């Protein structure tokens, strides 16, 4: 590939700004909160730190980021058209966290 040519597979891939997707999927109350977390280097896309809130993400990408006391790991299933209700937002991603992981409600292992 010569300089300036885009990979055809990447050229057809629809993307959305990382901060906007996090906001539309209702992980953050405001888009500026999502952008601030990304700017601090606290969000990873496919295992690589995202440096800019404007970074494009698309279906199939795996995001890792802190939310409260938990670390969230989600796979993007769809790009949102708007910031809709929570039920609509849940259809945008697949939660890869195991049930009960990181919620602080796990019983400690018994010491014997």
N, C-alpha and C. Protein backbone atom coordinates (compact mmCIF):
# COMPACT_ATOMS: atom_id res chain seq x y z
N UNK A 1 0.83 -1.18 0.00
CA UNK A 1 0.00 0.00 0.00
C UNK A 1 0.88 1.24 0.00
N UNK A 2 0.57 2.16 -0.85
CA UNK A 2 1.35 3.39 -0.87
C UNK A 2 0.84 4.35 0.19
N UNK A 3 1.66 5.33 0.46
CA UNK A 3 1.31 6.31 1.48
C UNK A 3 0.04 7.07 1.10
N UNK A 4 -0.85 7.23 2.03
CA UNK A 4 -2.08 7.97 1.77
C UNK A 4 -3.26 7.09 1.40
N UNK A 5 -3.00 5.83 1.03
CA UNK A 5 -4.09 4.92 0.70
C UNK A 5 -4.62 4.28 1.96
N UNK A 6 -5.92 4.19 2.06
CA UNK A 6 -6.54 3.54 3.22
C UNK A 6 -6.77 2.08 2.91
N UNK A 7 -6.70 1.27 3.93
CA UNK A 7 -7.03 -0.14 3.80
C UNK A 7 -8.51 -0.22 3.46
N UNK A 8 -8.89 -0.91 2.37
CA UNK A 8 -10.31 -0.96 1.98
C UNK A 8 -11.23 -1.47 3.08
N UNK A 9 -10.77 -2.44 3.87
CA UNK A 9 -11.60 -2.97 4.96
C UNK A 9 -11.84 -1.89 6.01
N UNK A 10 -10.82 -1.08 6.31
CA UNK A 10 -10.98 -0.02 7.29
C UNK A 10 -11.80 1.14 6.74
N UNK A 11 -11.71 1.38 5.45
CA UNK A 11 -12.44 2.49 4.84
C UNK A 11 -13.95 2.29 4.93
N UNK A 12 -14.40 1.04 4.88
CA UNK A 12 -15.83 0.77 4.93
C UNK A 12 -16.37 0.63 6.34
N UNK A 13 -15.50 0.51 7.31
CA UNK A 13 -15.93 0.30 8.70
C UNK A 13 -16.52 1.57 9.28
N UNK A 14 -17.73 1.47 9.74
CA UNK A 14 -18.36 2.62 10.39
C UNK A 14 -17.80 2.77 11.79
N UNK A 15 -17.49 4.00 12.16
CA UNK A 15 -16.97 4.26 13.50
C UNK A 15 -17.71 5.44 14.11
N UNK A 16 -17.55 5.56 15.42
CA UNK A 16 -18.13 6.65 16.19
C UNK A 16 -17.08 7.08 17.20
N UNK A 17 -17.07 8.34 17.55
CA UNK A 17 -16.12 8.81 18.55
C UNK A 17 -16.26 7.99 19.83
N UNK A 18 -15.13 7.66 20.46
CA UNK A 18 -15.13 6.86 21.68
C UNK A 18 -15.95 7.51 22.79
N UNK A 19 -15.74 8.82 23.03
CA UNK A 19 -16.49 9.49 24.10
C UNK A 19 -17.99 9.49 23.83
N UNK A 20 -18.35 9.66 22.57
CA UNK A 20 -19.77 9.69 22.22
C UNK A 20 -20.41 8.31 22.40
N UNK A 21 -19.68 7.24 22.02
CA UNK A 21 -20.23 5.90 22.19
C UNK A 21 -20.42 5.57 23.67
N UNK A 22 -19.42 5.89 24.50
CA UNK A 22 -19.54 5.63 25.94
C UNK A 22 -20.73 6.37 26.55
N UNK A 23 -20.98 7.58 26.08
CA UNK A 23 -22.11 8.37 26.56
C UNK A 23 -23.44 7.77 26.06
N UNK A 24 -23.51 7.42 24.77
CA UNK A 24 -24.74 6.86 24.22
C UNK A 24 -25.07 5.51 24.85
N UNK A 25 -24.05 4.75 25.22
CA UNK A 25 -24.28 3.45 25.85
C UNK A 25 -24.59 3.60 27.34
N UNK A 26 -24.64 4.83 27.81
CA UNK A 26 -25.04 5.19 29.16
C UNK A 26 -24.07 4.73 30.24
N UNK A 27 -22.78 4.65 29.91
CA UNK A 27 -21.78 4.36 30.93
C UNK A 27 -21.41 5.62 31.70
N UNK A 28 -21.63 6.80 31.08
CA UNK A 28 -21.33 8.07 31.72
C UNK A 28 -22.50 9.01 31.54
N UNK A 29 -22.73 9.83 32.56
CA UNK A 29 -23.88 10.74 32.57
C UNK A 29 -23.73 11.85 31.52
N UNK A 30 -22.49 12.30 31.31
CA UNK A 30 -22.26 13.34 30.30
C UNK A 30 -21.12 12.90 29.38
N UNK A 31 -21.13 13.45 28.18
CA UNK A 31 -20.08 13.15 27.22
C UNK A 31 -18.75 13.71 27.69
N UNK A 32 -18.77 14.85 28.39
CA UNK A 32 -17.53 15.44 28.88
C UNK A 32 -16.88 14.56 29.96
N UNK A 33 -17.67 13.87 30.77
CA UNK A 33 -17.10 12.93 31.75
C UNK A 33 -16.40 11.77 31.03
N UNK A 34 -17.02 11.26 29.98
CA UNK A 34 -16.41 10.18 29.19
C UNK A 34 -15.12 10.68 28.54
N UNK A 35 -15.15 11.88 27.98
CA UNK A 35 -13.97 12.45 27.32
C UNK A 35 -12.83 12.65 28.31
N UNK A 36 -13.15 13.08 29.52
CA UNK A 36 -12.11 13.30 30.54
C UNK A 36 -11.43 11.99 30.92
N UNK A 37 -12.20 10.91 31.06
CA UNK A 37 -11.62 9.62 31.40
C UNK A 37 -10.71 9.11 30.29
N UNK A 38 -11.14 9.30 29.04
CA UNK A 38 -10.33 8.88 27.90
C UNK A 38 -9.04 9.70 27.86
N UNK A 39 -9.15 11.01 28.05
CA UNK A 39 -7.99 11.90 28.00
C UNK A 39 -6.95 11.55 29.07
N UNK A 40 -7.40 11.02 30.18
CA UNK A 40 -6.49 10.61 31.26
C UNK A 40 -5.81 9.27 30.96
N UNK A 41 -6.17 8.63 29.85
CA UNK A 41 -5.58 7.35 29.49
C UNK A 41 -6.15 6.18 30.25
N UNK A 42 -7.37 6.31 30.75
CA UNK A 42 -7.98 5.27 31.58
C UNK A 42 -8.86 4.30 30.78
N UNK A 43 -8.99 4.53 29.47
CA UNK A 43 -9.82 3.66 28.63
C UNK A 43 -8.92 2.94 27.63
N UNK A 44 -9.14 1.64 27.49
CA UNK A 44 -8.38 0.85 26.51
C UNK A 44 -9.33 0.35 25.43
N UNK A 45 -8.85 0.38 24.20
CA UNK A 45 -9.60 -0.15 23.06
C UNK A 45 -8.78 -1.31 22.51
N UNK A 46 -9.35 -2.49 22.57
CA UNK A 46 -8.66 -3.71 22.13
C UNK A 46 -7.30 -3.85 22.81
N UNK A 47 -7.25 -3.51 24.09
CA UNK A 47 -6.04 -3.68 24.88
C UNK A 47 -5.04 -2.54 24.79
N UNK A 48 -5.28 -1.57 23.92
CA UNK A 48 -4.36 -0.44 23.75
C UNK A 48 -4.97 0.81 24.36
N UNK A 49 -4.20 1.58 25.13
CA UNK A 49 -4.74 2.82 25.72
C UNK A 49 -5.20 3.79 24.62
N UNK A 50 -6.36 4.37 24.82
CA UNK A 50 -6.88 5.38 23.90
C UNK A 50 -6.45 6.75 24.42
N UNK A 51 -5.77 7.51 23.60
CA UNK A 51 -5.24 8.79 24.04
C UNK A 51 -6.19 9.95 23.78
N UNK A 52 -7.11 9.77 22.81
CA UNK A 52 -7.98 10.88 22.42
C UNK A 52 -9.45 10.47 22.46
N UNK A 53 -10.30 11.35 22.97
CA UNK A 53 -11.74 11.05 22.97
C UNK A 53 -12.30 10.91 21.55
N UNK A 54 -11.62 11.49 20.57
CA UNK A 54 -12.11 11.45 19.19
C UNK A 54 -11.74 10.15 18.47
N UNK A 55 -11.06 9.25 19.14
CA UNK A 55 -10.67 7.99 18.51
C UNK A 55 -11.92 7.25 18.06
N UNK A 56 -11.90 6.72 16.87
CA UNK A 56 -13.04 6.00 16.35
C UNK A 56 -13.11 4.57 16.87
N UNK A 57 -14.30 4.15 17.23
CA UNK A 57 -14.54 2.76 17.64
C UNK A 57 -15.69 2.22 16.81
N UNK A 58 -15.71 0.91 16.64
CA UNK A 58 -16.76 0.29 15.85
C UNK A 58 -17.14 -1.07 16.40
N UNK A 59 -18.04 -1.72 15.70
CA UNK A 59 -18.51 -3.03 16.16
C UNK A 59 -17.35 -4.01 16.23
N UNK A 60 -17.36 -4.81 17.29
CA UNK A 60 -16.31 -5.78 17.51
C UNK A 60 -15.19 -5.31 18.41
N UNK A 61 -15.04 -4.00 18.59
CA UNK A 61 -14.00 -3.48 19.47
C UNK A 61 -14.33 -3.83 20.92
N UNK A 62 -13.29 -4.10 21.70
CA UNK A 62 -13.46 -4.41 23.13
C UNK A 62 -12.91 -3.23 23.92
N UNK A 63 -13.74 -2.68 24.80
CA UNK A 63 -13.37 -1.54 25.63
C UNK A 63 -13.18 -2.00 27.07
N UNK A 64 -12.14 -1.47 27.71
CA UNK A 64 -11.87 -1.74 29.12
C UNK A 64 -11.72 -0.39 29.81
N UNK A 65 -12.51 -0.16 30.87
CA UNK A 65 -12.47 1.14 31.55
C UNK A 65 -13.03 1.00 32.96
N UNK A 66 -12.60 1.90 33.86
CA UNK A 66 -13.14 1.87 35.22
C UNK A 66 -14.51 2.54 35.27
N UNK A 67 -15.38 1.99 36.09
CA UNK A 67 -16.68 2.61 36.34
C UNK A 67 -17.00 2.35 37.82
N UNK A 68 -16.92 3.42 38.60
CA UNK A 68 -17.06 3.26 40.04
C UNK A 68 -15.88 2.47 40.55
N UNK A 69 -16.14 1.41 41.32
CA UNK A 69 -15.08 0.56 41.85
C UNK A 69 -14.78 -0.63 40.95
N UNK A 70 -15.54 -0.80 39.90
CA UNK A 70 -15.38 -1.95 39.01
C UNK A 70 -14.62 -1.57 37.74
N UNK A 71 -14.01 -2.57 37.13
CA UNK A 71 -13.41 -2.43 35.82
C UNK A 71 -14.37 -3.09 34.84
N UNK A 72 -14.85 -2.32 33.88
CA UNK A 72 -15.81 -2.84 32.90
C UNK A 72 -15.06 -3.31 31.66
N UNK A 73 -15.51 -4.42 31.10
CA UNK A 73 -15.00 -4.94 29.83
C UNK A 73 -16.22 -5.23 28.98
N UNK A 74 -16.34 -4.50 27.87
CA UNK A 74 -17.51 -4.64 27.00
C UNK A 74 -17.07 -4.75 25.53
N UNK A 75 -17.85 -5.51 24.77
CA UNK A 75 -17.63 -5.60 23.32
C UNK A 75 -18.73 -4.80 22.64
N UNK A 76 -18.35 -3.94 21.73
CA UNK A 76 -19.32 -3.11 21.00
C UNK A 76 -20.06 -3.98 19.99
N UNK A 77 -21.38 -4.00 20.10
CA UNK A 77 -22.22 -4.75 19.16
C UNK A 77 -22.83 -3.85 18.10
N UNK A 78 -23.05 -2.58 18.45
CA UNK A 78 -23.67 -1.63 17.51
C UNK A 78 -23.29 -0.21 17.88
N UNK A 79 -23.34 0.66 16.88
CA UNK A 79 -23.13 2.08 17.11
C UNK A 79 -24.51 2.72 17.29
N UNK A 80 -24.65 3.54 18.27
CA UNK A 80 -25.94 4.16 18.54
C UNK A 80 -26.25 5.31 17.60
N UNK A 81 -27.51 5.54 17.40
CA UNK A 81 -27.97 6.69 16.63
C UNK A 81 -28.22 7.89 17.54
N UNK A 82 -28.52 7.57 18.81
CA UNK A 82 -28.86 8.61 19.78
C UNK A 82 -28.62 8.06 21.18
N UNK A 83 -28.76 8.90 22.18
CA UNK A 83 -28.68 8.44 23.57
C UNK A 83 -30.10 8.16 24.02
N UNK A 84 -30.49 6.92 23.89
CA UNK A 84 -31.85 6.54 24.20
C UNK A 84 -31.97 6.00 25.61
N UNK A 85 -33.09 5.33 25.89
CA UNK A 85 -33.31 4.76 27.22
C UNK A 85 -32.32 3.63 27.50
N UNK A 86 -32.21 3.26 28.77
CA UNK A 86 -31.25 2.23 29.19
C UNK A 86 -31.47 0.92 28.45
N UNK A 87 -32.72 0.56 28.21
CA UNK A 87 -32.99 -0.71 27.52
C UNK A 87 -32.41 -0.69 26.10
N UNK A 88 -32.47 0.44 25.43
CA UNK A 88 -31.90 0.58 24.10
C UNK A 88 -30.36 0.58 24.17
N UNK A 89 -29.82 1.24 25.17
CA UNK A 89 -28.37 1.33 25.33
C UNK A 89 -27.75 -0.04 25.59
N UNK A 90 -28.44 -0.91 26.31
CA UNK A 90 -27.90 -2.24 26.62
C UNK A 90 -27.73 -3.09 25.37
N UNK A 91 -28.45 -2.77 24.31
CA UNK A 91 -28.30 -3.49 23.05
C UNK A 91 -27.08 -3.09 22.26
N UNK A 92 -26.37 -2.06 22.71
CA UNK A 92 -25.18 -1.58 22.00
C UNK A 92 -23.93 -2.37 22.36
N UNK A 93 -23.96 -3.15 23.43
CA UNK A 93 -22.75 -3.83 23.88
C UNK A 93 -23.05 -5.18 24.50
N UNK A 94 -21.99 -5.99 24.57
CA UNK A 94 -22.02 -7.28 25.26
C UNK A 94 -21.10 -7.15 26.45
N UNK A 95 -21.63 -7.35 27.65
CA UNK A 95 -20.83 -7.22 28.87
C UNK A 95 -19.99 -8.48 29.03
N UNK A 96 -18.67 -8.34 28.97
CA UNK A 96 -17.77 -9.48 29.07
C UNK A 96 -17.32 -9.78 30.49
N UNK A 97 -17.78 -8.97 31.46
CA UNK A 97 -17.45 -9.22 32.86
C UNK A 97 -18.20 -10.45 33.35
N UNK A 98 -17.52 -11.33 34.09
CA UNK A 98 -18.26 -12.46 34.66
C UNK A 98 -19.28 -11.97 35.69
N UNK A 99 -20.41 -12.65 35.83
CA UNK A 99 -21.43 -12.22 36.80
C UNK A 99 -20.84 -12.10 38.20
N UNK A 100 -21.16 -11.01 38.88
CA UNK A 100 -20.70 -10.79 40.24
C UNK A 100 -19.26 -10.34 40.35
N UNK A 101 -18.57 -10.19 39.23
CA UNK A 101 -17.15 -9.80 39.26
C UNK A 101 -17.01 -8.31 39.52
N UNK A 102 -16.25 -7.96 40.54
CA UNK A 102 -15.91 -6.57 40.79
C UNK A 102 -17.01 -5.73 41.40
N UNK A 103 -18.11 -6.34 41.80
CA UNK A 103 -19.20 -5.52 42.36
C UNK A 103 -19.07 -5.33 43.86
N UNK A 104 -18.09 -5.97 44.47
CA UNK A 104 -17.86 -5.80 45.89
C UNK A 104 -18.80 -6.59 46.77
N UNK A 105 -19.67 -7.42 46.17
CA UNK A 105 -20.64 -8.17 46.95
C UNK A 105 -20.29 -9.64 47.05
N UNK A 106 -19.07 -10.00 46.65
CA UNK A 106 -18.68 -11.39 46.71
C UNK A 106 -18.32 -11.75 48.16
N UNK A 107 -18.68 -12.95 48.53
CA UNK A 107 -18.34 -13.41 49.88
C UNK A 107 -16.87 -13.79 49.92
N UNK A 108 -16.17 -13.41 50.97
CA UNK A 108 -14.75 -13.78 51.05
C UNK A 108 -14.61 -15.28 51.24
N UNK A 109 -13.51 -15.82 50.73
CA UNK A 109 -13.26 -17.25 50.86
C UNK A 109 -13.00 -17.58 52.33
N UNK A 110 -13.52 -18.72 52.77
CA UNK A 110 -13.34 -19.13 54.16
C UNK A 110 -11.90 -19.56 54.39
N UNK A 111 -11.36 -19.15 55.50
CA UNK A 111 -10.00 -19.54 55.88
C UNK A 111 -10.09 -20.76 56.77
N UNK A 112 -9.35 -21.79 56.42
CA UNK A 112 -9.37 -23.01 57.22
C UNK A 112 -7.99 -23.36 57.66
